[in-house]
C-alpha atoms as a PDB file:
ATOM      1  CA  MET A   1      -0.328  -0.203  -0.073  1.00  0.00           C
ATOM      2  CA  ALA A   2       1.273   3.526  -0.776  1.00  0.00           C
ATOM      3  CA  THR A   3       1.362   6.235   1.307  1.00  0.00           C
ATOM      4  CA  ARG A   4       2.270  10.024   0.748  1.00  0.00           C
ATOM      5  CA  LYS A   5       5.652  10.731   1.602  1.00  0.00           C
ATOM      6  CA  LEU A   6       4.576  14.322   2.985  1.00  0.00           C
ATOM      7  CA  GLY A   7       7.952  15.706   2.171  1.00  0.00           C
ATOM      8  CA  LYS A   8       9.287  14.108   5.818  1.00  0.00           C
ATOM      9  CA  PRO A   9      11.384  11.477   6.650  1.00  0.00           C
ATOM     10  CA  SER A  10       9.833   7.937   8.000  1.00  0.00           C
ATOM     11  CA  ASP A  11      10.106   8.582  11.357  1.00  0.00           C
ATOM     12  CA  GLN A  12       9.119  12.324  11.246  1.00  0.00           C
ATOM     13  CA  ARG A  13       6.204  11.273   9.068  1.00  0.00           C
ATOM     14  CA  VAL A  14       5.080   8.721  11.208  1.00  0.00           C
ATOM     15  CA  ALA A  15       4.999  10.879  14.291  1.00  0.00           C
ATOM     16  CA  MET A  16       3.459  13.807  12.834  1.00  0.00           C
ATOM     17  CA  LEU A  17       0.315  11.222  11.435  1.00  0.00           C
ATOM     18  CA  ARG A  18       0.389   9.540  15.104  1.00  0.00           C
ATOM     19  CA  ASN A  19      -0.131  13.095  16.695  1.00  0.00           C
ATOM     20  CA  LEU A  20      -2.515  14.285  14.186  1.00  0.00           C
ATOM     21  CA  THR A  21      -4.449  10.739  14.678  1.00  0.00           C
ATOM     22  CA  THR A  22      -4.923  11.125  18.468  1.00  0.00           C
ATOM     23  CA  ALA A  23      -5.790  14.801  18.396  1.00  0.00           C
ATOM     24  CA  LEU A  24      -8.587  14.253  16.017  1.00  0.00           C
ATOM     25  CA  LEU A  25      -9.946  11.169  18.187  1.00  0.00           C
ATOM     26  CA  TRP A  26      -9.524  13.032  21.337  1.00  0.00           C
ATOM     27  CA  ASN A  27     -10.594  16.244  19.883  1.00  0.00           C
ATOM     28  CA  GLY A  28     -13.452  15.892  17.544  1.00  0.00           C
ATOM     29  CA  LYS A  29     -11.724  17.969  14.879  1.00  0.00           C
ATOM     30  CA  ILE A  30      -8.596  19.529  13.323  1.00  0.00           C
ATOM     31  CA  VAL A  31      -7.198  21.881  10.869  1.00  0.00           C
ATOM     32  CA  THR A  32      -4.513  20.625   8.982  1.00  0.00           C
ATOM     33  CA  THR A  33      -3.689  20.745   4.899  1.00  0.00           C
ATOM     34  CA  GLU A  34      -5.295  18.333   2.442  1.00  0.00           C
ATOM     35  CA  ALA A  35      -2.991  15.746   2.105  1.00  0.00           C
ATOM     36  CA  ARG A  36      -2.186  14.993   5.712  1.00  0.00           C
ATOM     37  CA  ALA A  37      -5.883  14.961   6.226  1.00  0.00           C
ATOM     38  CA  LYS A  38      -6.582  12.301   4.074  1.00  0.00           C
ATOM     39  CA  GLU A  39      -3.863  10.267   5.415  1.00  0.00           C
ATOM     40  CA  VAL A  40      -5.352  11.018   9.165  1.00  0.00           C
ATOM     41  CA  ARG A  41      -8.725  10.079   7.866  1.00  0.00           C
ATOM     42  CA  SER A  42      -7.680   6.348   6.384  1.00  0.00           C
ATOM     43  CA  ILE A  43      -5.555   5.325  10.384  1.00  0.00           C
ATOM     44  CA  ALA A  44      -8.979   7.121  12.258  1.00  0.00           C
ATOM     45  CA  GLU A  45     -11.493   5.766  10.363  1.00  0.00           C
ATOM     46  CA  LYS A  46      -9.531   1.848  10.491  1.00  0.00           C
ATOM     47  CA  ILE A  47      -9.036   2.524  14.386  1.00  0.00           C
ATOM     48  CA  ILE A  48     -12.344   3.501  15.129  1.00  0.00           C
ATOM     49  CA  THR A  49     -13.823   0.202  12.713  1.00  0.00           C
ATOM     50  CA  LEU A  50     -11.718  -1.631  15.095  1.00  0.00           C
ATOM     51  CA  ALA A  51     -13.388  -0.453  18.573  1.00  0.00           C
ATOM     52  CA  MET A  52     -16.750  -0.691  17.396  1.00  0.00           C
ATOM     53  CA  GLY A  53     -16.226  -4.529  16.860  1.00  0.00           C
ATOM     54  CA  GLU A  54     -14.995  -5.075  20.135  1.00  0.00           C
ATOM     55  CA  TYR A  55     -16.762  -2.331  22.536  1.00  0.00           C
ATOM     56  CA  MET A  56     -19.067  -4.792  24.142  1.00  0.00           C
ATOM     57  CA  ASN A  57     -16.990  -7.477  24.454  1.00  0.00           C
ATOM     58  CA  THR A  58     -16.801  -7.213  28.476  1.00  0.00           C
ATOM     59  CA  VAL A  59     -17.554  -9.696  31.376  1.00  0.00           C
ATOM     60  CA  THR A  60     -18.308  -9.143  34.741  1.00  0.00           C
ATOM     61  CA  VAL A  61     -16.200 -10.878  37.273  1.00  0.00           C
ATOM     62  CA  GLU A  62     -16.855 -11.046  41.031  1.00  0.00           C
ATOM     63  CA  LYS A  63     -13.838 -10.624  43.084  1.00  0.00           C
ATOM     64  CA  GLU A  64     -12.283 -10.529  46.369  1.00  0.00           C
ATOM     65  CA  LYS A  65     -10.958  -7.824  48.166  1.00  0.00           C
ATOM     66  CA  MET A  66      -9.293  -7.531  51.247  1.00  0.00           C
ATOM     67  CA  ASN A  67     -10.096  -3.658  52.981  1.00  0.00           C
ATOM     68  CA  ASP A  68      -7.480  -2.082  55.798  1.00  0.00           C
ATOM     69  CA  LYS A  69      -9.292  -4.033  58.558  1.00  0.00           C
ATOM     70  CA  LYS A  70      -8.827  -7.543  57.248  1.00  0.00           C
ATOM     71  CA  GLN A  71     -11.841  -7.817  55.954  1.00  0.00           C
ATOM     72  CA  ILE A  72     -12.990 -10.209  52.694  1.00  0.00           C
ATOM     73  CA  SER A  73     -15.651  -8.020  50.343  1.00  0.00           C
ATOM     74  CA  LYS A  74     -16.696  -9.000  47.072  1.00  0.00           C
ATOM     75  CA  VAL A  75     -16.675  -6.433  44.404  1.00  0.00           C
ATOM     76  CA  GLU A  76     -18.006  -6.913  40.857  1.00  0.00           C
ATOM     77  CA  VAL A  77     -15.571  -6.165  38.270  1.00  0.00           C
ATOM     78  CA  VAL A  78     -15.816  -5.610  34.163  1.00  0.00           C
ATOM     79  CA  ASN A  79     -12.816  -7.450  32.470  1.00  0.00           C
ATOM     80  CA  ASP A  80     -12.223  -7.240  28.680  1.00  0.00           C
ATOM     81  CA  LEU A  81     -12.657 -10.293  27.024  1.00  0.00           C
ATOM     82  CA  PRO A  82      -9.287 -11.336  25.156  1.00  0.00           C
ATOM     83  CA  SER A  83     -10.373  -9.154  21.960  1.00  0.00           C
ATOM     84  CA  LYS A  84     -11.201  -6.336  23.277  1.00  0.00           C
ATOM     85  CA  LEU A  85      -7.787  -6.240  25.327  1.00  0.00           C
ATOM     86  CA  HIS A  86      -6.129  -7.563  21.864  1.00  0.00           C
ATOM     87  CA  ALA A  87      -7.651  -4.284  20.334  1.00  0.00           C
ATOM     88  CA  ARG A  88      -6.742  -1.808  23.018  1.00  0.00           C
ATOM     89  CA  ARG A  89      -3.554  -2.723  23.067  1.00  0.00           C
ATOM     90  CA  GLN A  90      -3.367  -2.190  19.121  1.00  0.00           C
ATOM     91  CA  MET A  91      -4.371   1.321  19.594  1.00  0.00           C
ATOM     92  CA  MET A  92      -2.419   1.945  22.509  1.00  0.00           C
ATOM     93  CA  ALA A  93       0.553   0.897  20.373  1.00  0.00           C
ATOM     94  CA  TYR A  94      -0.545   3.693  17.919  1.00  0.00           C
ATOM     95  CA  LEU A  95      -2.093   6.365  19.688  1.00  0.00           C
ATOM     96  CA  TYR A  96      -0.387   8.273  22.066  1.00  0.00           C
ATOM     97  CA  ASP A  97      -1.663   8.900  25.418  1.00  0.00           C
ATOM     98  CA  VAL A  98      -2.968  12.404  26.445  1.00  0.00           C
ATOM     99  CA  PRO A  99      -3.679  12.752  30.274  1.00  0.00           C
ATOM    100  CA  GLU A 100      -7.032  13.952  31.362  1.00  0.00           C
ATOM    101  CA  GLU A 101      -7.501  17.674  31.658  1.00  0.00           C
ATOM    102  CA  LYS A 102      -7.728  19.074  35.311  1.00  0.00           C
ATOM    103  CA  LYS A 103     -10.789  21.468  35.698  1.00  0.00           C
ATOM    104  CA  TYR A 104     -11.145  24.474  37.075  1.00  0.00           C
ATOM    105  CA  LYS A 105     -10.547  24.793  40.727  1.00  0.00           C
ATOM    106  CA  GLU A 106     -10.483  21.299  40.857  1.00  0.00           C
ATOM    107  CA  SER A 107      -7.809  20.073  43.344  1.00  0.00           C
ATOM    108  CA  LYS A 108      -5.271  17.277  43.133  1.00  0.00           C
ATOM    109  CA  PRO A 109      -7.608  14.692  45.301  1.00  0.00           C
ATOM    110  CA  GLU A 110     -10.421  15.523  43.374  1.00  0.00           C
ATOM    111  CA  TYR A 111      -8.174  15.321  40.566  1.00  0.00           C
ATOM    112  CA  ARG A 112      -7.080  11.560  40.598  1.00  0.00           C
ATOM    113  CA  GLU A 113     -10.586  10.108  41.970  1.00  0.00           C
ATOM    114  CA  ARG A 114     -12.102  11.165  39.060  1.00  0.00           C
ATOM    115  CA  THR A 115      -9.117   9.986  36.603  1.00  0.00           C
ATOM    116  CA  LYS A 116      -8.190   7.128  38.775  1.00  0.00           C
ATOM    117  CA  ASP A 117      -9.991   3.840  36.474  1.00  0.00           C
ATOM    118  CA  ARG A 118      -8.969   6.039  33.360  1.00  0.00           C
ATOM    119  CA  ALA A 119      -5.356   5.588  32.513  1.00  0.00           C
ATOM    120  CA  HIS A 120      -5.684   6.008  28.751  1.00  0.00           C
ATOM    121  CA  ALA A 121      -7.874   8.245  28.357  1.00  0.00           C
ATOM    122  CA  VAL A 122      -8.518   8.635  24.274  1.00  0.00           C
ATOM    123  CA  ILE A 123      -8.729   4.668  24.399  1.00  0.00           C
ATOM    124  CA  GLU A 124     -11.060   5.056  26.812  1.00  0.00           C
ATOM    125  CA  LYS A 125     -13.205   7.668  24.664  1.00  0.00           C
ATOM    126  CA  ILE A 126     -12.447   5.578  22.131  1.00  0.00           C
ATOM    127  CA  PHE A 127     -14.581   2.752  23.758  1.00  0.00           C
ATOM    128  CA  ARG A 128     -17.181   4.987  25.746  1.00  0.00           C
ATOM    129  CA  GLU A 129     -18.084   7.188  23.831  1.00  0.00           C
ATOM    130  CA  ILE A 130     -16.881   7.216  19.727  1.00  0.00           C
ATOM    131  CA  ALA A 131     -17.611   3.347  19.327  1.00  0.00           C
ATOM    132  CA  PRO A 132     -21.404   3.272  20.736  1.00  0.00           C
ATOM    133  CA  LYS A 133     -22.078   6.852  18.700  1.00  0.00           C
ATOM    134  CA  TYR A 134     -21.308   5.255  15.172  1.00  0.00           C
ATOM    135  CA  ALA A 135     -22.320   1.484  15.836  1.00  0.00           C
ATOM    136  CA  GLU A 136     -25.861   3.196  15.960  1.00  0.00           C
ATOM    137  CA  ARG A 137     -25.580   4.834  12.662  1.00  0.00           C
ATOM    138  CA  THR A 138     -24.729   1.049  11.466  1.00  0.00           C
ATOM    139  CA  LYS A 139     -28.283   0.205  12.486  1.00  0.00           C
ATOM    140  CA  ASP A 140     -29.406   2.883   9.511  1.00  0.00           C
ATOM    141  CA  GLY A 141     -27.407   0.954   7.014  1.00  0.00           C
ATOM    142  CA  LYS A 142     -24.501   3.350   7.329  1.00  0.00           C
ATOM    143  CA  LEU A 143     -21.634   1.386   7.155  1.00  0.00           C
ATOM    144  CA  GLY A 144     -17.808   3.538   7.576  1.00  0.00           C
ATOM    145  CA  GLY A 145     -17.354   7.640   6.409  1.00  0.00           C
ATOM    146  CA  TYR A 146     -16.782   8.297  10.287  1.00  0.00           C
ATOM    147  CA  THR A 147     -14.603  11.593   9.437  1.00  0.00           C
ATOM    148  CA  ARG A 148     -15.756  15.070   7.091  1.00  0.00           C
ATOM    149  CA  ILE A 149     -13.413  16.957   5.216  1.00  0.00           C
ATOM    150  CA  CYS A 150     -14.340  20.808   4.671  1.00  0.00           C
ATOM    151  CA  LYS A 151     -12.055  22.756   2.944  1.00  0.00           C
ATOM    152  CA  LEU A 152     -10.678  26.182   4.080  1.00  0.00           C
ATOM    153  CA  GLY A 153      -8.970  27.282   1.430  1.00  0.00           C
ATOM    154  CA  PRO A 154      -4.983  27.933   0.745  1.00  0.00           C
ATOM    155  CA  ARG A 155      -2.695  28.508   3.638  1.00  0.00           C
ATOM    156  CA  ARG A 156      -1.232  32.310   3.305  1.00  0.00           C
ATOM    157  CA  GLY A 157       2.549  31.872   2.648  1.00  0.00           C
ATOM    158  CA  ASP A 158       2.617  28.665   0.844  1.00  0.00           C
ATOM    159  CA  ALA A 159      -0.934  28.291  -0.613  1.00  0.00           C
ATOM    160  CA  ALA A 160      -1.305  24.915   0.701  1.00  0.00           C
ATOM    161  CA  GLU A 161      -5.295  24.031   0.717  1.00  0.00           C
ATOM    162  CA  MET A 162      -6.316  23.800   4.094  1.00  0.00           C
ATOM    163  CA  VAL A 163      -9.189  21.905   5.656  1.00  0.00           C
ATOM    164  CA  VAL A 164     -11.137  20.758   8.912  1.00  0.00           C
ATOM    165  CA  LEU A 165     -11.135  16.976   9.267  1.00  0.00           C
ATOM    166  CA  GLU A 166     -13.962  16.059  11.571  1.00  0.00           C
ATOM    167  CA  LEU A 167     -15.726  13.283  13.250  1.00  0.00           C
ATOM    168  CA  ILE A 168     -19.252  13.111  12.064  1.00  0.00           C
END
């Protein structure tokens, strides 16, 4: 499969595409050149398709935990099935890890409590928000096409065609 070189050496090109894909999935919209947007679109759509097939594959397990007073209590934990874990690790291998933002006037303990179950915020967003949203669209018969490219016009300076790449 031939890919665009985008005027960069391979290591810089891969890093740039990973960064743009992560930014698109995290923010929902990016402004970039048309050639870069077309490359990022194919990568992002493959990641979303992977997540859509696996986001429901979980199992609830009952575990025993020991508290500070040496008392054993049973806790229900939701675990990923092996196929979802594999998909999650494939995404983690490609996407960068973006930390969850601290809210206005939020203390450190509050931030830690709010984000303790989300070690990889981008991956969690894909599985909890993005994949279910597009899975609903597939019920209406709309397969693929999770992104949209809107042209903005030429960039001042080098006249490169600028676009907005966004999740639909």
